[in-house]
PDB file of N, CA and C in Angstrom:
ATOM      1  N   UNK A   1      45.905 137.762 104.739  1.00  0.00           N
ATOM      2  CA  UNK A   1      46.756 136.902 104.351  1.00  0.00           C
ATOM      3  C   UNK A   1      45.961 135.964 102.596  1.00  0.00           C
ATOM      4  N   UNK A   2      45.954 136.164 102.116  1.00  0.00           N
ATOM      5  CA  UNK A   2      44.935 135.951 100.119  1.00  0.00           C
ATOM      6  C   UNK A   2      45.158 135.009  99.664  1.00  0.00           C
ATOM      7  N   UNK A   3      44.591 133.619 100.008  1.00  0.00           N
ATOM      8  CA  UNK A   3      44.277 131.811  99.895  1.00  0.00           C
ATOM      9  C   UNK A   3      45.647 132.079  98.575  1.00  0.00           C
ATOM     10  N   UNK A   4      46.201 132.922  97.527  1.00  0.00           N
ATOM     11  CA  UNK A   4      47.213 132.810  97.001  1.00  0.00           C
ATOM     12  C   UNK A   4      48.120 133.567  97.583  1.00  0.00           C
ATOM     13  N   UNK A   5      48.829 134.318  98.532  1.00  0.00           N
ATOM     14  CA  UNK A   5      49.490 134.443  99.498  1.00  0.00           C
ATOM     15  C   UNK A   5      50.854 132.986  99.577  1.00  0.00           C
ATOM     16  N   UNK A   6      49.611 131.745 100.630  1.00  0.00           N
ATOM     17  CA  UNK A   6      49.531 131.265 101.285  1.00  0.00           C
ATOM     18  C   UNK A   6      49.615 130.578 101.090  1.00  0.00           C
ATOM     19  N   UNK A   7      49.567 129.766  99.588  1.00  0.00           N
ATOM     20  CA  UNK A   7      49.726 128.783  98.446  1.00  0.00           C
ATOM     21  C   UNK A   7      51.015 129.200  98.395  1.00  0.00           C
ATOM     22  N   UNK A   8      51.764 130.786  97.833  1.00  0.00           N
ATOM     23  CA  UNK A   8      52.716 130.492  97.389  1.00  0.00           C
ATOM     24  C   UNK A   8      53.774 130.877  98.721  1.00  0.00           C
ATOM     25  N   UNK A   9      53.657 130.564  99.568  1.00  0.00           N
ATOM     26  CA  UNK A   9      54.677 130.595 100.656  1.00  0.00           C
ATOM     27  C   UNK A   9      54.660 129.240 101.183  1.00  0.00           C
ATOM     28  N   UNK A  10      53.526 128.957 101.578  1.00  0.00           N
ATOM     29  CA  UNK A  10      54.139 127.265 101.592  1.00  0.00           C
ATOM     30  C   UNK A  10      54.575 126.130 100.554  1.00  0.00           C
ATOM     31  N   UNK A  11      53.923 126.441  98.601  1.00  0.00           N
ATOM     32  CA  UNK A  11      55.510 126.188  98.206  1.00  0.00           C
ATOM     33  C   UNK A  11      56.466 126.341  98.431  1.00  0.00           C
ATOM     34  N   UNK A  12      57.002 128.013  98.586  1.00  0.00           N
ATOM     35  CA  UNK A  12      58.404 127.854  99.504  1.00  0.00           C
ATOM     36  C   UNK A  12      59.246 127.337 100.354  1.00  0.00           C
ATOM     37  N   UNK A  13      57.833 126.960 101.525  1.00  0.00           N
ATOM     38  CA  UNK A  13      58.474 126.064 102.476  1.00  0.00           C
ATOM     39  C   UNK A  13      58.977 125.195 102.366  1.00  0.00           C
ATOM     40  N   UNK A  14      57.812 124.657 101.590  1.00  0.00           N
ATOM     41  CA  UNK A  14      58.450 122.486 100.769  1.00  0.00           C
ATOM     42  C   UNK A  14      59.456 123.231  99.679  1.00  0.00           C
ATOM     43  N   UNK A  15      59.532 123.848  98.694  1.00  0.00           N
ATOM     44  CA  UNK A  15      60.386 123.909  98.442  1.00  0.00           C
ATOM     45  C   UNK A  15      62.115 123.701  99.384  1.00  0.00           C
ATOM     46  N   UNK A  16      61.712 125.088 100.211  1.00  0.00           N
ATOM     47  CA  UNK A  16      63.529 125.014 101.494  1.00  0.00           C
ATOM     48  C   UNK A  16      63.129 123.261 102.099  1.00  0.00           C
ATOM     49  N   UNK A  17      62.408 123.092 102.240  1.00  0.00           N
ATOM     50  CA  UNK A  17      62.578 121.524 102.818  1.00  0.00           C
ATOM     51  C   UNK A  17      62.883 120.231 102.008  1.00  0.00           C
ATOM     52  N   UNK A  18      62.741 121.022 100.634  1.00  0.00           N
ATOM     53  CA  UNK A  18      63.442 119.858  99.518  1.00  0.00           C
ATOM     54  C   UNK A  18      65.336 119.460  99.839  1.00  0.00           C
ATOM     55  N   UNK A  19      64.925 120.755  99.536  1.00  0.00           N
ATOM     56  CA  UNK A  19      66.736 121.447 100.027  1.00  0.00           C
ATOM     57  C   UNK A  19      67.346 121.280 101.115  1.00  0.00           C
ATOM     58  N   UNK A  20      67.242 121.335 101.846  1.00  0.00           N
ATOM     59  CA  UNK A  20      67.600 120.846 103.495  1.00  0.00           C
ATOM     60  C   UNK A  20      67.305 119.589 103.613  1.00  0.00           C
ATOM     61  N   UNK A  21      67.319 118.626 103.175  1.00  0.00           N
ATOM     62  CA  UNK A  21      67.283 117.444 102.150  1.00  0.00           C
ATOM     63  C   UNK A  21      67.569 116.809 101.599  1.00  0.00           C
ATOM     64  N   UNK A  22      68.634 116.958 100.482  1.00  0.00           N
ATOM     65  CA  UNK A  22      69.869 117.351  99.951  1.00  0.00           C
ATOM     66  C   UNK A  22      70.513 117.979 100.171  1.00  0.00           C
ATOM     67  N   UNK A  23      70.878 118.604 101.545  1.00  0.00           N
ATOM     68  CA  UNK A  23      72.511 119.536 101.843  1.00  0.00           C
ATOM     69  C   UNK A  23      72.866 117.949 102.348  1.00  0.00           C
ATOM     70  N   UNK A  24      73.873 117.680 101.714  1.00  0.00           N
ATOM     71  CA  UNK A  24      74.958 116.158 102.825  1.00  0.00           C
ATOM     72  C   UNK A  24      75.236 116.698 103.589  1.00  0.00           C
ATOM     73  N   UNK A  25      75.758 115.783 104.553  1.00  0.00           N
ATOM     74  CA  UNK A  25      76.881 116.548 105.470  1.00  0.00           C
ATOM     75  C   UNK A  25      77.498 115.573 105.207  1.00  0.00           C
ATOM     76  N   UNK A  26      78.824 116.461 105.559  1.00  0.00           N
ATOM     77  CA  UNK A  26      80.323 115.799 105.021  1.00  0.00           C
ATOM     78  C   UNK A  26      80.628 114.201 105.689  1.00  0.00           C
ATOM     79  N   UNK A  27      81.510 113.306 105.103  1.00  0.00           N
ATOM     80  CA  UNK A  27      80.605 112.165 105.257  1.00  0.00           C
ATOM     81  C   UNK A  27      81.570 111.183 106.995  1.00  0.00           C
ATOM     82  N   UNK A  28      83.033 112.191 106.737  1.00  0.00           N
ATOM     83  CA  UNK A  28      84.170 112.660 108.145  1.00  0.00           C
ATOM     84  C   UNK A  28      82.475 112.378 109.621  1.00  0.00           C
ATOM     85  N   UNK A  29      81.785 113.126 109.661  1.00  0.00           N
ATOM     86  CA  UNK A  29      81.200 113.718 110.686  1.00  0.00           C
ATOM     87  C   UNK A  29      80.015 112.013 110.917  1.00  0.00           C
ATOM     88  N   UNK A  30      79.480 111.446 109.315  1.00  0.00           N
ATOM     89  CA  UNK A  30      78.865 110.948 109.780  1.00  0.00           C
ATOM     90  C   UNK A  30      77.994 110.071 110.891  1.00  0.00           C
ATOM     91  N   UNK A  31      77.217 109.984 112.062  1.00  0.00           N
ATOM     92  CA  UNK A  31      77.997 108.488 112.609  1.00  0.00           C
ATOM     93  C   UNK A  31      78.353 108.948 113.608  1.00  0.00           C
ATOM     94  N   UNK A  32      78.260 110.986 114.390  1.00  0.00           N
ATOM     95  CA  UNK A  32      79.778 111.402 115.413  1.00  0.00           C
ATOM     96  C   UNK A  32      78.299 111.814 116.415  1.00  0.00           C
ATOM     97  N   UNK A  33      79.076 112.737 117.137  1.00  0.00           N
ATOM     98  CA  UNK A  33      78.001 113.152 118.616  1.00  0.00           C
ATOM     99  C   UNK A  33      79.147 114.206 118.737  1.00  0.00           C
ATOM    100  N   UNK A  34      78.048 115.599 119.672  1.00  0.00           N
ATOM    101  CA  UNK A  34      78.108 116.219 119.967  1.00  0.00           C
ATOM    102  C   UNK A  34      77.606 116.487 121.260  1.00  0.00           C
ATOM    103  N   UNK A  35      79.084 116.693 121.718  1.00  0.00           N
ATOM    104  CA  UNK A  35      78.782 116.687 123.151  1.00  0.00           C
ATOM    105  C   UNK A  35      79.387 118.377 123.964  1.00  0.00           C
ATOM    106  N   UNK A  36      78.221 118.393 124.451  1.00  0.00           N
ATOM    107  CA  UNK A  36      78.405 119.610 125.332  1.00  0.00           C
ATOM    108  C   UNK A  36      78.371 119.465 126.971  1.00  0.00           C
ATOM    109  N   UNK A  37      79.976 120.169 127.391  1.00  0.00           N
ATOM    110  CA  UNK A  37      79.952 119.431 128.874  1.00  0.00           C
ATOM    111  C   UNK A  37      80.126 121.585 129.153  1.00  0.00           C
ATOM    112  N   UNK A  38      79.960 121.084 131.035  1.00  0.00           N
ATOM    113  CA  UNK A  38      79.034 122.192 131.543  1.00  0.00           C
ATOM    114  C   UNK A  38      80.672 121.971 132.204  1.00  0.00           C
ATOM    115  N   UNK A  39      81.174 123.755 132.823  1.00  0.00           N
ATOM    116  CA  UNK A  39      82.185 123.220 133.350  1.00  0.00           C
ATOM    117  C   UNK A  39      82.177 122.310 134.782  1.00  0.00           C
ATOM    118  N   UNK A  40      80.939 122.598 135.775  1.00  0.00           N
ATOM    119  CA  UNK A  40      80.638 122.018 136.807  1.00  0.00           C
ATOM    120  C   UNK A  40      80.456 120.436 136.400  1.00  0.00           C
ATOM    121  N   UNK A  41      80.924 119.926 137.087  1.00  0.00           N
ATOM    122  CA  UNK A  41      81.428 118.537 136.552  1.00  0.00           C
ATOM    123  C   UNK A  41      79.926 117.963 137.047  1.00  0.00           C
ATOM    124  N   UNK A  42      79.368 118.386 137.632  1.00  0.00           N
ATOM    125  CA  UNK A  42      78.432 117.571 139.191  1.00  0.00           C
ATOM    126  C   UNK A  42      77.050 117.544 137.576  1.00  0.00           C
ATOM    127  N   UNK A  43      77.621 118.564 137.140  1.00  0.00           N
ATOM    128  CA  UNK A  43      76.175 118.392 136.216  1.00  0.00           C
ATOM    129  C   UNK A  43      76.282 117.146 135.253  1.00  0.00           C
ATOM    130  N   UNK A  44      75.492 117.490 134.076  1.00  0.00           N
ATOM    131  CA  UNK A  44      75.360 115.847 133.595  1.00  0.00           C
ATOM    132  C   UNK A  44      75.679 116.223 131.714  1.00  0.00           C
ATOM    133  N   UNK A  45      76.403 115.870 131.170  1.00  0.00           N
ATOM    134  CA  UNK A  45      77.736 116.439 129.684  1.00  0.00           C
ATOM    135  C   UNK A  45      75.584 116.255 128.861  1.00  0.00           C
ATOM    136  N   UNK A  46      75.506 117.191 127.930  1.00  0.00           N
ATOM    137  CA  UNK A  46      74.428 116.567 127.072  1.00  0.00           C
ATOM    138  C   UNK A  46      75.262 116.375 125.691  1.00  0.00           C
ATOM    139  N   UNK A  47      74.612 115.070 125.040  1.00  0.00           N
ATOM    140  CA  UNK A  47      74.759 114.838 123.548  1.00  0.00           C
ATOM    141  C   UNK A  47      74.368 114.284 122.884  1.00  0.00           C
ATOM    142  N   UNK A  48      73.684 114.922 121.339  1.00  0.00           N
ATOM    143  CA  UNK A  48      73.824 114.587 120.445  1.00  0.00           C
ATOM    144  C   UNK A  48      74.139 114.550 119.691  1.00  0.00           C
ATOM    145  N   UNK A  49      73.232 113.053 118.560  1.00  0.00           N
ATOM    146  CA  UNK A  49      73.807 113.042 116.601  1.00  0.00           C
ATOM    147  C   UNK A  49      74.765 114.788 116.502  1.00  0.00           C
ATOM    148  N   UNK A  50      75.325 114.245 115.613  1.00  0.00           N
ATOM    149  CA  UNK A  50      75.806 115.313 114.850  1.00  0.00           C
ATOM    150  C   UNK A  50      74.783 115.371 113.414  1.00  0.00           C
ATOM    151  N   UNK A  51      74.719 114.039 113.492  1.00  0.00           N
ATOM    152  CA  UNK A  51      73.315 114.168 112.141  1.00  0.00           C
ATOM    153  C   UNK A  51      71.867 115.094 112.401  1.00  0.00           C
ATOM    154  N   UNK A  52      71.731 115.225 113.675  1.00  0.00           N
ATOM    155  CA  UNK A  52      70.539 116.491 114.305  1.00  0.00           C
ATOM    156  C   UNK A  52      71.424 117.550 114.670  1.00  0.00           C
ATOM    157  N   UNK A  53      72.211 118.061 114.397  1.00  0.00           N
ATOM    158  CA  UNK A  53      72.353 119.190 114.416  1.00  0.00           C
ATOM    159  C   UNK A  53      72.643 119.995 113.923  1.00  0.00           C
ATOM    160  N   UNK A  54      72.907 118.980 112.801  1.00  0.00           N
ATOM    161  CA  UNK A  54      73.719 119.436 111.253  1.00  0.00           C
ATOM    162  C   UNK A  54      72.315 119.536 110.591  1.00  0.00           C
ATOM    163  N   UNK A  55      71.162 119.174 111.025  1.00  0.00           N
ATOM    164  CA  UNK A  55      69.739 119.729 109.976  1.00  0.00           C
ATOM    165  C   UNK A  55      68.645 120.205 110.628  1.00  0.00           C
ATOM    166  N   UNK A  56      69.533 121.153 112.084  1.00  0.00           N
ATOM    167  CA  UNK A  56      68.723 122.323 112.450  1.00  0.00           C
ATOM    168  C   UNK A  56      69.664 123.356 111.687  1.00  0.00           C
ATOM    169  N   UNK A  57      71.226 122.638 111.452  1.00  0.00           N
ATOM    170  CA  UNK A  57      71.780 124.118 111.346  1.00  0.00           C
ATOM    171  C   UNK A  57      71.524 124.313 110.322  1.00  0.00           C
ATOM    172  N   UNK A  58      71.220 123.372 109.207  1.00  0.00           N
ATOM    173  CA  UNK A  58      70.692 123.378 107.865  1.00  0.00           C
ATOM    174  C   UNK A  58      69.067 123.925 107.668  1.00  0.00           C
ATOM    175  N   UNK A  59      68.697 123.885 108.407  1.00  0.00           N
ATOM    176  CA  UNK A  59      66.625 124.201 108.890  1.00  0.00           C
ATOM    177  C   UNK A  59      67.510 126.025 108.953  1.00  0.00           C
ATOM    178  N   UNK A  60      68.161 126.746 110.076  1.00  0.00           N
ATOM    179  CA  UNK A  60      68.494 127.878 110.087  1.00  0.00           C
ATOM    180  C   UNK A  60      68.595 127.653 108.870  1.00  0.00           C
ATOM    181  N   UNK A  61      69.706 128.038 108.275  1.00  0.00           N
ATOM    182  CA  UNK A  61      70.432 127.765 106.589  1.00  0.00           C
ATOM    183  C   UNK A  61      69.309 128.486 105.698  1.00  0.00           C
ATOM    184  N   UNK A  62      68.037 127.482 105.685  1.00  0.00           N
ATOM    185  CA  UNK A  62      67.478 127.789 104.503  1.00  0.00           C
ATOM    186  C   UNK A  62      66.049 128.420 104.573  1.00  0.00           C
ATOM    187  N   UNK A  63      66.304 128.987 106.168  1.00  0.00           N
ATOM    188  CA  UNK A  63      64.659 129.575 106.656  1.00  0.00           C
ATOM    189  C   UNK A  63      65.041 131.305 106.848  1.00  0.00           C
ATOM    190  N   UNK A  64      66.862 131.537 106.561  1.00  0.00           N
ATOM    191  CA  UNK A  64      67.094 133.178 105.990  1.00  0.00           C
ATOM    192  C   UNK A  64      67.656 132.612 104.627  1.00  0.00           C
ATOM    193  N   UNK A  65      67.252 131.920 104.278  1.00  0.00           N
ATOM    194  CA  UNK A  65      66.842 131.979 102.609  1.00  0.00           C
ATOM    195  C   UNK A  65      65.297 132.364 102.048  1.00  0.00           C
ATOM    196  N   UNK A  66      64.675 132.062 103.308  1.00  0.00           N
ATOM    197  CA  UNK A  66      63.051 132.453 102.655  1.00  0.00           C
ATOM    198  C   UNK A  66      63.143 133.770 103.030  1.00  0.00           C
ATOM    199  N   UNK A  67      63.680 133.953 104.350  1.00  0.00           N
ATOM    200  CA  UNK A  67      62.735 135.324 105.160  1.00  0.00           C
ATOM    201  C   UNK A  67      63.702 136.195 104.020  1.00  0.00           C
ATOM    202  N   UNK A  68      65.116 136.270 103.155  1.00  0.00           N
ATOM    203  CA  UNK A  68      65.759 137.151 102.319  1.00  0.00           C
ATOM    204  C   UNK A  68      64.819 137.532 101.125  1.00  0.00           C
ATOM    205  N   UNK A  69      64.602 136.060 100.802  1.00  0.00           N
ATOM    206  CA  UNK A  69      63.505 135.726  99.598  1.00  0.00           C
ATOM    207  C   UNK A  69      62.211 137.373  99.495  1.00  0.00           C
ATOM    208  N   UNK A  70      61.531 137.078 101.170  1.00  0.00           N
ATOM    209  CA  UNK A  70      60.247 137.847 101.278  1.00  0.00           C
ATOM    210  C   UNK A  70      61.306 138.790 101.543  1.00  0.00           C
ATOM    211  N   UNK A  71      62.054 139.789 101.991  1.00  0.00           N
ATOM    212  CA  UNK A  71      62.868 140.771 102.531  1.00  0.00           C
ATOM    213  C   UNK A  71      62.131 141.328 100.786  1.00  0.00           C
ATOM    214  N   UNK A  72      63.191 140.549  99.856  1.00  0.00           N
ATOM    215  CA  UNK A  72      63.222 140.879  98.223  1.00  0.00           C
ATOM    216  C   UNK A  72      62.044 141.383  97.813  1.00  0.00           C
ATOM    217  N   UNK A  73      61.221 141.055  98.451  1.00  0.00           N
ATOM    218  CA  UNK A  73      60.250 140.561  96.686  1.00  0.00           C
ATOM    219  C   UNK A  73      59.045 141.391  98.309  1.00  0.00           C
ATOM    220  N   UNK A  74      59.413 142.272  98.979  1.00  0.00           N
ATOM    221  CA  UNK A  74      58.052 143.198  99.923  1.00  0.00           C
ATOM    222  C   UNK A  74      57.937 144.240  99.083  1.00  0.00           C
ATOM    223  N   UNK A  75      56.829 144.317  98.884  1.00  0.00           N
ATOM    224  CA  UNK A  75      55.770 145.505  98.027  1.00  0.00           C
ATOM    225  C   UNK A  75      56.122 146.876  99.049  1.00  0.00           C
ATOM    226  N   UNK A  76      56.262 146.454 100.337  1.00  0.00           N
ATOM    227  CA  UNK A  76      55.841 148.235 100.856  1.00  0.00           C
ATOM    228  C   UNK A  76      57.407 148.612 102.110  1.00  0.00           C
ATOM    229  N   UNK A  77      58.542 148.103 101.288  1.00  0.00           N
ATOM    230  CA  UNK A  77      59.251 148.245 102.241  1.00  0.00           C
ATOM    231  C   UNK A  77      59.862 149.752 101.169  1.00  0.00           C
ATOM    232  N   UNK A  78      60.555 149.661 101.557  1.00  0.00           N
ATOM    233  CA  UNK A  78      61.816 150.995 101.340  1.00  0.00           C
ATOM    234  C   UNK A  78      63.232 150.457 100.057  1.00  0.00           C
ATOM    235  N   UNK A  79      63.481 150.352  98.935  1.00  0.00           N
ATOM    236  CA  UNK A  79      64.536 149.665  98.963  1.00  0.00           C
ATOM    237  C   UNK A  79      66.248 149.631  99.694  1.00  0.00           C
ATOM    238  N   UNK A  80      66.302 151.174 100.359  1.00  0.00           N
ATOM    239  CA  UNK A  80      67.175 151.229 102.171  1.00  0.00           C
ATOM    240  C   UNK A  80      67.006 150.621 102.785  1.00  0.00           C
ATOM    241  N   UNK A  81      65.961 149.862 103.409  1.00  0.00           N
ATOM    242  CA  UNK A  81      65.088 149.092 104.602  1.00  0.00           C
ATOM    243  C   UNK A  81      65.181 148.177 103.881  1.00  0.00           C
ATOM    244  N   UNK A  82      65.319 147.494 102.727  1.00  0.00           N
ATOM    245  CA  UNK A  82      65.801 145.860 102.163  1.00  0.00           C
ATOM    246  C   UNK A  82      66.703 146.067 102.613  1.00  0.00           C
ATOM    247  N   UNK A  83      67.292 147.094 101.924  1.00  0.00           N
ATOM    248  CA  UNK A  83      69.575 147.086 101.993  1.00  0.00           C
ATOM    249  C   UNK A  83      69.754 147.304 102.805  1.00  0.00           C
ATOM    250  N   UNK A  84      69.614 147.751 104.239  1.00  0.00           N
ATOM    251  CA  UNK A  84      69.920 147.739 105.282  1.00  0.00           C
ATOM    252  C   UNK A  84      69.300 146.297 105.851  1.00  0.00           C
ATOM    253  N   UNK A  85      68.247 144.901 105.797  1.00  0.00           N
ATOM    254  CA  UNK A  85      67.443 144.227 106.382  1.00  0.00           C
ATOM    255  C   UNK A  85      68.497 142.944 106.115  1.00  0.00           C
ATOM    256  N   UNK A  86      69.190 143.125 104.795  1.00  0.00           N
ATOM    257  CA  UNK A  86      69.977 142.626 104.172  1.00  0.00           C
ATOM    258  C   UNK A  86      71.256 142.613 104.022  1.00  0.00           C
ATOM    259  N   UNK A  87      71.521 142.886 104.293  1.00  0.00           N
ATOM    260  CA  UNK A  87      73.408 143.706 105.509  1.00  0.00           C
ATOM    261  C   UNK A  87      73.029 143.003 107.572  1.00  0.00           C
ATOM    262  N   UNK A  88      71.604 142.835 107.758  1.00  0.00           N
ATOM    263  CA  UNK A  88      71.875 141.948 109.003  1.00  0.00           C
ATOM    264  C   UNK A  88      71.673 140.592 108.391  1.00  0.00           C
ATOM    265  N   UNK A  89      71.042 140.027 106.734  1.00  0.00           N
ATOM    266  CA  UNK A  89      71.609 138.560 107.434  1.00  0.00           C
ATOM    267  C   UNK A  89      72.562 138.556 106.844  1.00  0.00           C
ATOM    268  N   UNK A  90      73.202 139.060 105.997  1.00  0.00           N
ATOM    269  CA  UNK A  90      74.466 139.036 105.742  1.00  0.00           C
ATOM    270  C   UNK A  90      75.011 138.701 107.023  1.00  0.00           C
ATOM    271  N   UNK A  91      75.527 139.600 107.325  1.00  0.00           N
ATOM    272  CA  UNK A  91      76.205 139.457 109.168  1.00  0.00           C
ATOM    273  C   UNK A  91      76.238 138.151 109.279  1.00  0.00           C
ATOM    274  N   UNK A  92      74.240 137.146 109.245  1.00  0.00           N
ATOM    275  CA  UNK A  92      74.013 135.993 110.548  1.00  0.00           C
ATOM    276  C   UNK A  92      75.070 134.944 109.705  1.00  0.00           C
ATOM    277  N   UNK A  93      74.683 135.197 107.981  1.00  0.00           N
ATOM    278  CA  UNK A  93      75.437 133.720 107.687  1.00  0.00           C
ATOM    279  C   UNK A  93      76.877 134.178 107.639  1.00  0.00           C
ATOM    280  N   UNK A  94      77.568 135.073 107.925  1.00  0.00           N
ATOM    281  CA  UNK A  94      79.435 135.568 108.583  1.00  0.00           C
ATOM    282  C   UNK A  94      78.812 134.414 109.781  1.00  0.00           C
ATOM    283  N   UNK A  95      78.137 134.847 110.141  1.00  0.00           N
ATOM    284  CA  UNK A  95      78.071 134.294 112.260  1.00  0.00           C
ATOM    285  C   UNK A  95      77.667 132.745 111.904  1.00  0.00           C
ATOM    286  N   UNK A  96      76.879 132.282 110.888  1.00  0.00           N
ATOM    287  CA  UNK A  96      77.336 131.056 110.715  1.00  0.00           C
ATOM    288  C   UNK A  96      78.217 129.993 110.198  1.00  0.00           C
ATOM    289  N   UNK A  97      79.353 130.895 109.610  1.00  0.00           N
ATOM    290  CA  UNK A  97      80.212 130.243 109.439  1.00  0.00           C
ATOM    291  C   UNK A  97      80.641 129.329 109.352  1.00  0.00           C
ATOM    292  N   UNK A  98      80.672 129.811 110.267  1.00  0.00           N
ATOM    293  CA  UNK A  98      81.713 127.947 111.840  1.00  0.00           C
ATOM    294  C   UNK A  98      81.488 126.951 111.020  1.00  0.00           C
ATOM    295  N   UNK A  99      79.786 126.840 110.788  1.00  0.00           N
ATOM    296  CA  UNK A  99      79.469 125.504 110.296  1.00  0.00           C
ATOM    297  C   UNK A  99      79.982 124.886 108.624  1.00  0.00           C
ATOM    298  N   UNK A 100      80.095 125.428 108.490  1.00  0.00           N
ATOM    299  CA  UNK A 100      80.590 125.229 107.300  1.00  0.00           C
ATOM    300  C   UNK A 100      81.569 123.379 106.761  1.00  0.00           C
ATOM    301  N   UNK A 101      82.060 124.075 108.174  1.00  0.00           N
ATOM    302  CA  UNK A 101      83.195 122.253 108.262  1.00  0.00           C
ATOM    303  C   UNK A 101      82.082 121.241 108.249  1.00  0.00           C
ATOM    304  N   UNK A 102      81.243 121.579 108.437  1.00  0.00           N
ATOM    305  CA  UNK A 102      79.611 120.426 108.767  1.00  0.00           C
ATOM    306  C   UNK A 102      78.868 119.955 107.160  1.00  0.00           C
ATOM    307  N   UNK A 103      79.101 120.601 105.960  1.00  0.00           N
ATOM    308  CA  UNK A 103      78.557 120.430 104.584  1.00  0.00           C
ATOM    309  C   UNK A 103      79.775 119.702 103.716  1.00  0.00           C
ATOM    310  N   UNK A 104      79.425 119.047 102.773  1.00  0.00           N
ATOM    311  CA  UNK A 104      79.936 117.941 102.516  1.00  0.00           C
ATOM    312  C   UNK A 104      80.336 118.648 100.827  1.00  0.00           C
ATOM    313  N   UNK A 105      79.349 119.553  99.905  1.00  0.00           N
ATOM    314  CA  UNK A 105      79.716 120.333  99.482  1.00  0.00           C
ATOM    315  C   UNK A 105      79.715 121.669  99.709  1.00  0.00           C
ATOM    316  N   UNK A 106      80.674 122.948  98.801  1.00  0.00           N
ATOM    317  CA  UNK A 106      81.236 124.027  99.002  1.00  0.00           C
ATOM    318  C   UNK A 106      79.874 125.033  99.038  1.00  0.00           C
ATOM    319  N   UNK A 107      78.643 124.492  97.897  1.00  0.00           N
ATOM    320  CA  UNK A 107      77.817 125.743  97.568  1.00  0.00           C
ATOM    321  C   UNK A 107      76.607 125.582  98.317  1.00  0.00           C
ATOM    322  N   UNK A 108      76.683 124.808  99.538  1.00  0.00           N
ATOM    323  CA  UNK A 108      75.493 124.080 100.375  1.00  0.00           C
ATOM    324  C   UNK A 108      75.538 125.235 101.595  1.00  0.00           C
ATOM    325  N   UNK A 109      77.453 125.987 101.637  1.00  0.00           N
ATOM    326  CA  UNK A 109      78.232 126.541 102.990  1.00  0.00           C
ATOM    327  C   UNK A 109      77.603 127.645 103.179  1.00  0.00           C
ATOM    328  N   UNK A 110      77.792 128.580 104.557  1.00  0.00           N
ATOM    329  CA  UNK A 110      77.367 129.698 104.313  1.00  0.00           C
ATOM    330  C   UNK A 110      78.032 130.827 103.558  1.00  0.00           C
ATOM    331  N   UNK A 111      77.981 131.971 103.825  1.00  0.00           N
ATOM    332  CA  UNK A 111      78.853 133.041 102.779  1.00  0.00           C
ATOM    333  C   UNK A 111      77.816 133.822 103.679  1.00  0.00           C
ATOM    334  N   UNK A 112      78.923 134.452 104.715  1.00  0.00           N
ATOM    335  CA  UNK A 112      79.129 136.254 104.693  1.00  0.00           C
ATOM    336  C   UNK A 112      79.445 136.861 103.936  1.00  0.00           C
ATOM    337  N   UNK A 113      79.685 138.018 104.549  1.00  0.00           N
ATOM    338  CA  UNK A 113      80.156 139.349 103.576  1.00  0.00           C
ATOM    339  C   UNK A 113      81.906 139.138 102.680  1.00  0.00           C
ATOM    340  N   UNK A 114      81.913 139.164 101.245  1.00  0.00           N
ATOM    341  CA  UNK A 114      83.201 138.954 101.112  1.00  0.00           C
ATOM    342  C   UNK A 114      83.990 140.763 101.295  1.00  0.00           C
ATOM    343  N   UNK A 115      85.704 140.297 101.387  1.00  0.00           N
ATOM    344  CA  UNK A 115      86.142 140.831 100.731  1.00  0.00           C
ATOM    345  C   UNK A 115      86.180 141.451 100.057  1.00  0.00           C
ATOM    346  N   UNK A 116      86.797 142.939  99.970  1.00  0.00           N
ATOM    347  CA  UNK A 116      86.743 143.345  97.949  1.00  0.00           C
ATOM    348  C   UNK A 116      87.579 143.071  97.543  1.00  0.00           C
TER     349      UNK A 116
END
């Protein structure tokens, strides 16, 4: 990688990190807990804050956006390959729509493939 390419990649990462810090959590979840309860009652449950879980979800979203941008700008990929990979990314977004309930702002939410 050339120095300019590295600088551009770092700029993109920093922009995405800044955006992820600005995606607000829906107020009803602030201070909440996520609890994973194993079926085996002898095993201890795992819990963590909704805030930390939300942060991880936002990071996944933002990294998918960076991947999408790099894919679309890639000079060596054929258009057909870009379309195929873009469809995979769209399906990933669709799989993540379950977590939209955590986002305060609709425009921050995941959007999968829309119907006709």
